[in-house]
Amino acid sequence: METDRVTHRVRTILLNDWDPIGIAGVPQAADEYDRYVGHLAQMVVAGNSILDLSEHLVRIEVDDMGLRGNHDRARSVAAKLKSIASETSTRG
């Protein structure tokens, strides 16, 4: 699995699909979620479950951002993150 591809996909999904603070349309804020990309990419590569990924996203929203945590959005985004592994394995 190509690490750069995984990292890029995670970054894109966080910005376009997760985006808990609504900055996707602000070019100056495109790096806002970069601090979370590395760990989430590691989780994807390690094969963590959708539940693990979803819980991690909600923890970020609540603990780091002071938000309520959107479980439905987190589950949806976690499913997209989980699908990265199969996307990259079928490219090889």
PDB file of N, CA and C in Angstrom:
ATOM      1  N   MET A   1       0.859  -1.186   0.000  1.00  0.00           N
ATOM      2  CA  MET A   1       0.000   0.000   0.000  1.00  0.00           C
ATOM      3  C   MET A   1       0.898   1.240   0.000  1.00  0.00           C
ATOM      4  N   GLU A   2       0.628   2.149  -0.869  1.00  0.00           N
ATOM      5  CA  GLU A   2       1.456   3.342  -1.002  1.00  0.00           C
ATOM      6  C   GLU A   2       1.104   4.373   0.072  1.00  0.00           C
ATOM      7  N   THR A   3       2.067   4.661   0.930  1.00  0.00           N
ATOM      8  CA  THR A   3       1.830   5.561   2.058  1.00  0.00           C
ATOM      9  C   THR A   3       1.407   6.952   1.597  1.00  0.00           C
ATOM     10  N   ASP A   4       2.079   7.484   0.575  1.00  0.00           N
ATOM     11  CA  ASP A   4       1.735   8.826   0.093  1.00  0.00           C
ATOM     12  C   ASP A   4       0.309   8.884  -0.425  1.00  0.00           C
ATOM     13  N   ARG A   5      -0.112   7.841  -1.128  1.00  0.00           N
ATOM     14  CA  ARG A   5      -1.473   7.795  -1.663  1.00  0.00           C
ATOM     15  C   ARG A   5      -2.500   7.739  -0.529  1.00  0.00           C
ATOM     16  N   VAL A   6      -2.204   6.909   0.472  1.00  0.00           N
ATOM     17  CA  VAL A   6      -3.102   6.795   1.626  1.00  0.00           C
ATOM     18  C   VAL A   6      -3.195   8.141   2.339  1.00  0.00           C
ATOM     19  N   THR A   7      -2.066   8.752   2.595  1.00  0.00           N
ATOM     20  CA  THR A   7      -2.042  10.045   3.283  1.00  0.00           C
ATOM     21  C   THR A   7      -2.825  11.093   2.506  1.00  0.00           C
ATOM     22  N   HIS A   8      -2.626  11.135   1.207  1.00  0.00           N
ATOM     23  CA  HIS A   8      -3.347  12.100   0.373  1.00  0.00           C
ATOM     24  C   HIS A   8      -4.857  11.853   0.422  1.00  0.00           C
ATOM     25  N   ARG A   9      -5.268  10.587   0.327  1.00  0.00           N
ATOM     26  CA  ARG A   9      -6.701  10.256   0.367  1.00  0.00           C
ATOM     27  C   ARG A   9      -7.305  10.608   1.725  1.00  0.00           C
ATOM     28  N   VAL A  10      -6.587  10.304   2.803  1.00  0.00           N
ATOM     29  CA  VAL A  10      -7.089  10.644   4.139  1.00  0.00           C
ATOM     30  C   VAL A  10      -7.267  12.156   4.246  1.00  0.00           C
ATOM     31  N   ARG A  11      -6.281  12.902   3.816  1.00  0.00           N
ATOM     32  CA  ARG A  11      -6.356  14.370   3.883  1.00  0.00           C
ATOM     33  C   ARG A  11      -7.568  14.887   3.100  1.00  0.00           C
ATOM     34  N   THR A  12      -7.768  14.366   1.911  1.00  0.00           N
ATOM     35  CA  THR A  12      -8.890  14.786   1.062  1.00  0.00           C
ATOM     36  C   THR A  12     -10.235  14.463   1.715  1.00  0.00           C
ATOM     37  N   ILE A  13     -10.345  13.255   2.264  1.00  0.00           N
ATOM     38  CA  ILE A  13     -11.601  12.852   2.910  1.00  0.00           C
ATOM     39  C   ILE A  13     -11.879  13.707   4.143  1.00  0.00           C
ATOM     40  N   LEU A  14     -10.859  13.980   4.939  1.00  0.00           N
ATOM     41  CA  LEU A  14     -11.076  14.811   6.131  1.00  0.00           C
ATOM     42  C   LEU A  14     -11.576  16.199   5.741  1.00  0.00           C
ATOM     43  N   LEU A  15     -10.978  16.768   4.733  1.00  0.00           N
ATOM     44  CA  LEU A  15     -11.354  18.126   4.337  1.00  0.00           C
ATOM     45  C   LEU A  15     -12.721  18.167   3.654  1.00  0.00           C
ATOM     46  N   ASN A  16     -12.983  17.238   2.757  1.00  0.00           N
ATOM     47  CA  ASN A  16     -14.209  17.313   1.957  1.00  0.00           C
ATOM     48  C   ASN A  16     -15.408  16.611   2.566  1.00  0.00           C
ATOM     49  N   ASP A  17     -15.181  15.554   3.338  1.00  0.00           N
ATOM     50  CA  ASP A  17     -16.298  14.767   3.853  1.00  0.00           C
ATOM     51  C   ASP A  17     -16.511  14.925   5.356  1.00  0.00           C
ATOM     52  N   TRP A  18     -15.439  15.015   6.094  1.00  0.00           N
ATOM     53  CA  TRP A  18     -15.568  15.141   7.557  1.00  0.00           C
ATOM     54  C   TRP A  18     -15.809  16.598   7.910  1.00  0.00           C
ATOM     55  N   ASP A  19     -14.855  17.453   7.750  1.00  0.00           N
ATOM     56  CA  ASP A  19     -14.946  18.911   7.889  1.00  0.00           C
ATOM     57  C   ASP A  19     -15.892  19.395   8.993  1.00  0.00           C
ATOM     58  N   PRO A  20     -15.630  19.041  10.243  1.00  0.00           N
ATOM     59  CA  PRO A  20     -16.550  19.409  11.327  1.00  0.00           C
ATOM     60  C   PRO A  20     -16.659  20.902  11.595  1.00  0.00           C
ATOM     61  N   ILE A  21     -15.683  21.691  11.149  1.00  0.00           N
ATOM     62  CA  ILE A  21     -15.770  23.136  11.403  1.00  0.00           C
ATOM     63  C   ILE A  21     -16.098  23.933  10.142  1.00  0.00           C
ATOM     64  N   GLY A  22     -16.382  23.231   9.042  1.00  0.00           N
ATOM     65  CA  GLY A  22     -16.880  23.893   7.837  1.00  0.00           C
ATOM     66  C   GLY A  22     -15.909  24.801   7.112  1.00  0.00           C
ATOM     67  N   ILE A  23     -14.677  24.320   6.910  1.00  0.00           N
ATOM     68  CA  ILE A  23     -13.679  25.167   6.252  1.00  0.00           C
ATOM     69  C   ILE A  23     -13.307  24.675   4.847  1.00  0.00           C
ATOM     70  N   ALA A  24     -14.018  23.696   4.326  1.00  0.00           N
ATOM     71  CA  ALA A  24     -13.643  23.085   3.044  1.00  0.00           C
ATOM     72  C   ALA A  24     -13.536  24.104   1.914  1.00  0.00           C
ATOM     73  N   GLY A  25     -14.341  25.128   1.929  1.00  0.00           N
ATOM     74  CA  GLY A  25     -14.320  26.110   0.855  1.00  0.00           C
ATOM     75  C   GLY A  25     -13.339  27.256   1.067  1.00  0.00           C
ATOM     76  N   VAL A  26     -12.510  27.166   2.084  1.00  0.00           N
ATOM     77  CA  VAL A  26     -11.575  28.241   2.407  1.00  0.00           C
ATOM     78  C   VAL A  26     -10.151  27.781   2.078  1.00  0.00           C
ATOM     79  N   PRO A  27      -9.617  28.214   0.941  1.00  0.00           N
ATOM     80  CA  PRO A  27      -8.288  27.737   0.514  1.00  0.00           C
ATOM     81  C   PRO A  27      -7.195  27.948   1.565  1.00  0.00           C
ATOM     82  N   GLN A  28      -7.255  29.041   2.302  1.00  0.00           N
ATOM     83  CA  GLN A  28      -6.234  29.333   3.308  1.00  0.00           C
ATOM     84  C   GLN A  28      -6.266  28.336   4.475  1.00  0.00           C
ATOM     85  N   ALA A  29      -7.358  27.612   4.612  1.00  0.00           N
ATOM     86  CA  ALA A  29      -7.508  26.672   5.728  1.00  0.00           C
ATOM     87  C   ALA A  29      -7.380  25.212   5.284  1.00  0.00           C
ATOM     88  N   ALA A  30      -6.881  24.969   4.081  1.00  0.00           N
ATOM     89  CA  ALA A  30      -6.817  23.612   3.539  1.00  0.00           C
ATOM     90  C   ALA A  30      -5.975  22.664   4.393  1.00  0.00           C
ATOM     91  N   ASP A  31      -5.083  23.210   5.216  1.00  0.00           N
ATOM     92  CA  ASP A  31      -4.232  22.362   6.051  1.00  0.00           C
ATOM     93  C   ASP A  31      -4.761  22.208   7.479  1.00  0.00           C
ATOM     94  N   GLU A  32      -5.956  22.665   7.727  1.00  0.00           N
ATOM     95  CA  GLU A  32      -6.526  22.696   9.077  1.00  0.00           C
ATOM     96  C   GLU A  32      -6.542  21.323   9.764  1.00  0.00           C
ATOM     97  N   TYR A  33      -6.801  20.271   9.014  1.00  0.00           N
ATOM     98  CA  TYR A  33      -6.922  18.943   9.622  1.00  0.00           C
ATOM     99  C   TYR A  33      -5.659  18.100   9.457  1.00  0.00           C
ATOM    100  N   ASP A  34      -4.593  18.686   8.937  1.00  0.00           N
ATOM    101  CA  ASP A  34      -3.374  17.920   8.659  1.00  0.00           C
ATOM    102  C   ASP A  34      -2.799  17.241   9.898  1.00  0.00           C
ATOM    103  N   ARG A  35      -2.993  17.827  11.065  1.00  0.00           N
ATOM    104  CA  ARG A  35      -2.437  17.222  12.289  1.00  0.00           C
ATOM    105  C   ARG A  35      -3.067  15.862  12.601  1.00  0.00           C
ATOM    106  N   TYR A  36      -4.216  15.572  11.998  1.00  0.00           N
ATOM    107  CA  TYR A  36      -4.899  14.300  12.248  1.00  0.00           C
ATOM    108  C   TYR A  36      -4.634  13.262  11.163  1.00  0.00           C
ATOM    109  N   VAL A  37      -4.080  13.690  10.045  1.00  0.00           N
ATOM    110  CA  VAL A  37      -3.925  12.824   8.880  1.00  0.00           C
ATOM    111  C   VAL A  37      -2.988  11.653   9.167  1.00  0.00           C
ATOM    112  N   GLY A  38      -1.838  11.921   9.740  1.00  0.00           N
ATOM    113  CA  GLY A  38      -0.841  10.877   9.950  1.00  0.00           C
ATOM    114  C   GLY A  38      -1.355   9.703  10.767  1.00  0.00           C
ATOM    115  N   HIS A  39      -1.974  10.007  11.896  1.00  0.00           N
ATOM    116  CA  HIS A  39      -2.466   8.939  12.761  1.00  0.00           C
ATOM    117  C   HIS A  39      -3.596   8.170  12.081  1.00  0.00           C
ATOM    118  N   LEU A  40      -4.505   8.883  11.430  1.00  0.00           N
ATOM    119  CA  LEU A  40      -5.604   8.204  10.740  1.00  0.00           C
ATOM    120  C   LEU A  40      -5.086   7.349   9.589  1.00  0.00           C
ATOM    121  N   ALA A  41      -4.083   7.828   8.875  1.00  0.00           N
ATOM    122  CA  ALA A  41      -3.492   7.035   7.796  1.00  0.00           C
ATOM    123  C   ALA A  41      -2.879   5.756   8.372  1.00  0.00           C
ATOM    124  N   GLN A  42      -2.220   5.864   9.515  1.00  0.00           N
ATOM    125  CA  GLN A  42      -1.662   4.675  10.167  1.00  0.00           C
ATOM    126  C   GLN A  42      -2.769   3.692  10.547  1.00  0.00           C
ATOM    127  N   MET A  43      -3.872   4.219  11.046  1.00  0.00           N
ATOM    128  CA  MET A  43      -4.998   3.369  11.417  1.00  0.00           C
ATOM    129  C   MET A  43      -5.553   2.640  10.192  1.00  0.00           C
ATOM    130  N   VAL A  44      -5.654   3.350   9.070  1.00  0.00           N
ATOM    131  CA  VAL A  44      -6.155   2.745   7.828  1.00  0.00           C
ATOM    132  C   VAL A  44      -5.218   1.627   7.388  1.00  0.00           C
ATOM    133  N   VAL A  45      -3.935   1.909   7.353  1.00  0.00           N
ATOM    134  CA  VAL A  45      -2.947   0.919   6.917  1.00  0.00           C
ATOM    135  C   VAL A  45      -2.948  -0.295   7.852  1.00  0.00           C
ATOM    136  N   ALA A  46      -3.146  -0.057   9.146  1.00  0.00           N
ATOM    137  CA  ALA A  46      -3.157  -1.136  10.130  1.00  0.00           C
ATOM    138  C   ALA A  46      -4.430  -1.977  10.062  1.00  0.00           C
ATOM    139  N   GLY A  47      -5.424  -1.503   9.310  1.00  0.00           N
ATOM    140  CA  GLY A  47      -6.659  -2.268   9.166  1.00  0.00           C
ATOM    141  C   GLY A  47      -7.663  -2.057  10.280  1.00  0.00           C
ATOM    142  N   ASN A  48      -7.570  -0.911  10.955  1.00  0.00           N
ATOM    143  CA  ASN A  48      -8.539  -0.628  12.015  1.00  0.00           C
ATOM    144  C   ASN A  48      -9.963  -0.667  11.461  1.00  0.00           C
ATOM    145  N   SER A  49     -10.898  -0.999  12.330  1.00  0.00           N
ATOM    146  CA  SER A  49     -12.296  -1.132  11.929  1.00  0.00           C
ATOM    147  C   SER A  49     -12.950   0.233  11.717  1.00  0.00           C
ATOM    148  N   ILE A  50     -14.091   0.198  11.065  1.00  0.00           N
ATOM    149  CA  ILE A  50     -14.890   1.412  10.884  1.00  0.00           C
ATOM    150  C   ILE A  50     -15.250   1.988  12.256  1.00  0.00           C
ATOM    151  N   LEU A  51     -15.574   1.134  13.201  1.00  0.00           N
ATOM    152  CA  LEU A  51     -15.911   1.596  14.551  1.00  0.00           C
ATOM    153  C   LEU A  51     -14.719   2.310  15.188  1.00  0.00           C
ATOM    154  N   ASP A  52     -13.529   1.729  15.086  1.00  0.00           N
ATOM    155  CA  ASP A  52     -12.329   2.373  15.647  1.00  0.00           C
ATOM    156  C   ASP A  52     -12.099   3.746  15.015  1.00  0.00           C
ATOM    157  N   LEU A  53     -12.182   3.797  13.690  1.00  0.00           N
ATOM    158  CA  LEU A  53     -11.968   5.059  12.983  1.00  0.00           C
ATOM    159  C   LEU A  53     -13.021   6.084  13.367  1.00  0.00           C
ATOM    160  N   SER A  54     -14.263   5.643  13.432  1.00  0.00           N
ATOM    161  CA  SER A  54     -15.365   6.535  13.780  1.00  0.00           C
ATOM    162  C   SER A  54     -15.203   7.099  15.192  1.00  0.00           C
ATOM    163  N   GLU A  55     -14.873   6.238  16.132  1.00  0.00           N
ATOM    164  CA  GLU A  55     -14.678   6.691  17.519  1.00  0.00           C
ATOM    165  C   GLU A  55     -13.519   7.673  17.608  1.00  0.00           C
ATOM    166  N   HIS A  56     -12.479   7.432  16.842  1.00  0.00           N
ATOM    167  CA  HIS A  56     -11.334   8.348  16.845  1.00  0.00           C
ATOM    168  C   HIS A  56     -11.745   9.726  16.313  1.00  0.00           C
ATOM    169  N   LEU A  57     -12.513   9.748  15.241  1.00  0.00           N
ATOM    170  CA  LEU A  57     -12.975  11.026  14.681  1.00  0.00           C
ATOM    171  C   LEU A  57     -13.840  11.785  15.682  1.00  0.00           C
ATOM    172  N   VAL A  58     -14.732  11.088  16.350  1.00  0.00           N
ATOM    173  CA  VAL A  58     -15.592  11.742  17.341  1.00  0.00           C
ATOM    174  C   VAL A  58     -14.752  12.267  18.500  1.00  0.00           C
ATOM    175  N   ARG A  59     -13.749  11.489  18.938  1.00  0.00           N
ATOM    176  CA  ARG A  59     -12.858  11.958  20.009  1.00  0.00           C
ATOM    177  C   ARG A  59     -12.160  13.253  19.613  1.00  0.00           C
ATOM    178  N   ILE A  60     -11.715  13.337  18.356  1.00  0.00           N
ATOM    179  CA  ILE A  60     -11.075  14.564  17.886  1.00  0.00           C
ATOM    180  C   ILE A  60     -12.059  15.723  17.968  1.00  0.00           C
ATOM    181  N   GLU A  61     -13.280  15.492  17.472  1.00  0.00           N
ATOM    182  CA  GLU A  61     -14.288  16.554  17.489  1.00  0.00           C
ATOM    183  C   GLU A  61     -14.563  17.041  18.906  1.00  0.00           C
ATOM    184  N   VAL A  62     -14.693  16.133  19.832  1.00  0.00           N
ATOM    185  CA  VAL A  62     -15.058  16.476  21.210  1.00  0.00           C
ATOM    186  C   VAL A  62     -13.851  16.995  21.994  1.00  0.00           C
ATOM    187  N   ASP A  63     -12.775  16.220  22.022  1.00  0.00           N
ATOM    188  CA  ASP A  63     -11.632  16.547  22.877  1.00  0.00           C
ATOM    189  C   ASP A  63     -10.757  17.664  22.318  1.00  0.00           C
ATOM    190  N   ASP A  64     -10.500  17.653  21.007  1.00  0.00           N
ATOM    191  CA  ASP A  64      -9.599  18.642  20.417  1.00  0.00           C
ATOM    192  C   ASP A  64     -10.316  19.906  19.961  1.00  0.00           C
ATOM    193  N   MET A  65     -11.544  19.733  19.487  1.00  0.00           N
ATOM    194  CA  MET A  65     -12.243  20.874  18.883  1.00  0.00           C
ATOM    195  C   MET A  65     -13.336  21.455  19.769  1.00  0.00           C
ATOM    196  N   GLY A  66     -13.684  20.756  20.822  1.00  0.00           N
ATOM    197  CA  GLY A  66     -14.722  21.248  21.722  1.00  0.00           C
ATOM    198  C   GLY A  66     -16.118  21.198  21.124  1.00  0.00           C
ATOM    199  N   LEU A  67     -16.317  20.316  20.160  1.00  0.00           N
ATOM    200  CA  LEU A  67     -17.628  20.167  19.521  1.00  0.00           C
ATOM    201  C   LEU A  67     -18.398  19.038  20.195  1.00  0.00           C
ATOM    202  N   ARG A  68     -19.635  18.859  19.801  1.00  0.00           N
ATOM    203  CA  ARG A  68     -20.466  17.808  20.385  1.00  0.00           C
ATOM    204  C   ARG A  68     -20.105  16.428  19.853  1.00  0.00           C
ATOM    205  N   GLY A  69     -19.619  16.366  18.637  1.00  0.00           N
ATOM    206  CA  GLY A  69     -19.300  15.078  18.023  1.00  0.00           C
ATOM    207  C   GLY A  69     -20.473  14.568  17.224  1.00  0.00           C
ATOM    208  N   ASN A  70     -20.278  14.431  15.942  1.00  0.00           N
ATOM    209  CA  ASN A  70     -21.339  13.968  15.055  1.00  0.00           C
ATOM    210  C   ASN A  70     -21.069  12.506  14.701  1.00  0.00           C
ATOM    211  N   HIS A  71     -21.763  11.599  15.377  1.00  0.00           N
ATOM    212  CA  HIS A  71     -21.519  10.168  15.208  1.00  0.00           C
ATOM    213  C   HIS A  71     -21.903   9.668  13.815  1.00  0.00           C
ATOM    214  N   ASP A  72     -22.979  10.181  13.266  1.00  0.00           N
ATOM    215  CA  ASP A  72     -23.395   9.750  11.926  1.00  0.00           C
ATOM    216  C   ASP A  72     -22.359  10.145  10.881  1.00  0.00           C
ATOM    217  N   ARG A  73     -21.915  11.384  10.936  1.00  0.00           N
ATOM    218  CA  ARG A  73     -20.893  11.837   9.988  1.00  0.00           C
ATOM    219  C   ARG A  73     -19.607  11.035  10.192  1.00  0.00           C
ATOM    220  N   ALA A  74     -19.229  10.818  11.441  1.00  0.00           N
ATOM    221  CA  ALA A  74     -17.998  10.075  11.728  1.00  0.00           C
ATOM    222  C   ALA A  74     -18.066   8.662  11.166  1.00  0.00           C
ATOM    223  N   ARG A  75     -19.211   8.002  11.284  1.00  0.00           N
ATOM    224  CA  ARG A  75     -19.361   6.643  10.732  1.00  0.00           C
ATOM    225  C   ARG A  75     -19.240   6.654   9.217  1.00  0.00           C
ATOM    226  N   SER A  76     -19.867   7.623   8.587  1.00  0.00           N
ATOM    227  CA  SER A  76     -19.809   7.737   7.135  1.00  0.00           C
ATOM    228  C   SER A  76     -18.375   7.983   6.659  1.00  0.00           C
ATOM    229  N   VAL A  77     -17.689   8.891   7.324  1.00  0.00           N
ATOM    230  CA  VAL A  77     -16.311   9.209   6.966  1.00  0.00           C
ATOM    231  C   VAL A  77     -15.407   8.012   7.267  1.00  0.00           C
ATOM    232  N   ALA A  78     -15.639   7.337   8.372  1.00  0.00           N
ATOM    233  CA  ALA A  78     -14.838   6.156   8.719  1.00  0.00           C
ATOM    234  C   ALA A  78     -14.963   5.077   7.646  1.00  0.00           C
ATOM    235  N   ALA A  79     -16.159   4.909   7.100  1.00  0.00           N
ATOM    236  CA  ALA A  79     -16.353   3.932   6.023  1.00  0.00           C
ATOM    237  C   ALA A  79     -15.539   4.330   4.790  1.00  0.00           C
ATOM    238  N   LYS A  80     -15.508   5.613   4.481  1.00  0.00           N
ATOM    239  CA  LYS A  80     -14.692   6.085   3.355  1.00  0.00           C
ATOM    240  C   LYS A  80     -13.215   5.868   3.629  1.00  0.00           C
ATOM    241  N   LEU A  81     -12.795   6.151   4.858  1.00  0.00           N
ATOM    242  CA  LEU A  81     -11.392   5.939   5.225  1.00  0.00           C
ATOM    243  C   LEU A  81     -11.041   4.458   5.113  1.00  0.00           C
ATOM    244  N   LYS A  82     -11.908   3.610   5.603  1.00  0.00           N
ATOM    245  CA  LYS A  82     -11.676   2.162   5.555  1.00  0.00           C
ATOM    246  C   LYS A  82     -11.548   1.681   4.105  1.00  0.00           C
ATOM    247  N   SER A  83     -12.289   2.289   3.199  1.00  0.00           N
ATOM    248  CA  SER A  83     -12.261   1.866   1.795  1.00  0.00           C
ATOM    249  C   SER A  83     -10.945   2.220   1.101  1.00  0.00           C
ATOM    250  N   ILE A  84     -10.148   3.087   1.692  1.00  0.00           N
ATOM    251  CA  ILE A  84      -8.863   3.460   1.093  1.00  0.00           C
ATOM    252  C   ILE A  84      -7.979   2.241   0.918  1.00  0.00           C
ATOM    253  N   ALA A  85      -7.985   1.344   1.890  1.00  0.00           N
ATOM    254  CA  ALA A  85      -7.136   0.154   1.828  1.00  0.00           C
ATOM    255  C   ALA A  85      -7.462  -0.674   0.595  1.00  0.00           C
ATOM    256  N   SER A  86      -8.741  -0.856   0.298  1.00  0.00           N
ATOM    257  CA  SER A  86      -9.092  -1.653  -0.867  1.00  0.00           C
ATOM    258  C   SER A  86      -8.830  -0.898  -2.166  1.00  0.00           C
ATOM    259  N   GLU A  87      -8.989   0.427  -2.135  1.00  0.00           N
ATOM    260  CA  GLU A  87      -8.684   1.234  -3.329  1.00  0.00           C
ATOM    261  C   GLU A  87      -7.223   1.071  -3.713  1.00  0.00           C
ATOM    262  N   THR A  88      -6.350   1.163  -2.735  1.00  0.00           N
ATOM    263  CA  THR A  88      -4.925   1.124  -3.042  1.00  0.00           C
ATOM    264  C   THR A  88      -4.462  -0.296  -3.384  1.00  0.00           C
ATOM    265  N   SER A  89      -5.100  -1.309  -2.809  1.00  0.00           N
ATOM    266  CA  SER A  89      -4.674  -2.678  -3.106  1.00  0.00           C
ATOM    267  C   SER A  89      -5.125  -3.112  -4.501  1.00  0.00           C
ATOM    268  N   THR A  90      -6.179  -2.522  -5.024  1.00  0.00           N
ATOM    269  CA  THR A  90      -6.628  -2.892  -6.359  1.00  0.00           C
ATOM    270  C   THR A  90      -5.859  -2.155  -7.447  1.00  0.00           C
ATOM    271  N   ARG A  91      -5.110  -1.129  -7.082  1.00  0.00           N
ATOM    272  CA  ARG A  91      -4.326  -0.370  -8.067  1.00  0.00           C
ATOM    273  C   ARG A  91      -3.041  -1.085  -8.444  1.00  0.00           C
ATOM    274  N   GLY A  92      -2.513  -1.894  -7.482  1.00  0.00           N
ATOM    275  CA  GLY A  92      -1.202  -2.487  -7.611  1.00  0.00           C
ATOM    276  C   GLY A  92      -1.052  -3.349  -8.795  1.00  0.00           C
TER     277      GLY A  92
END
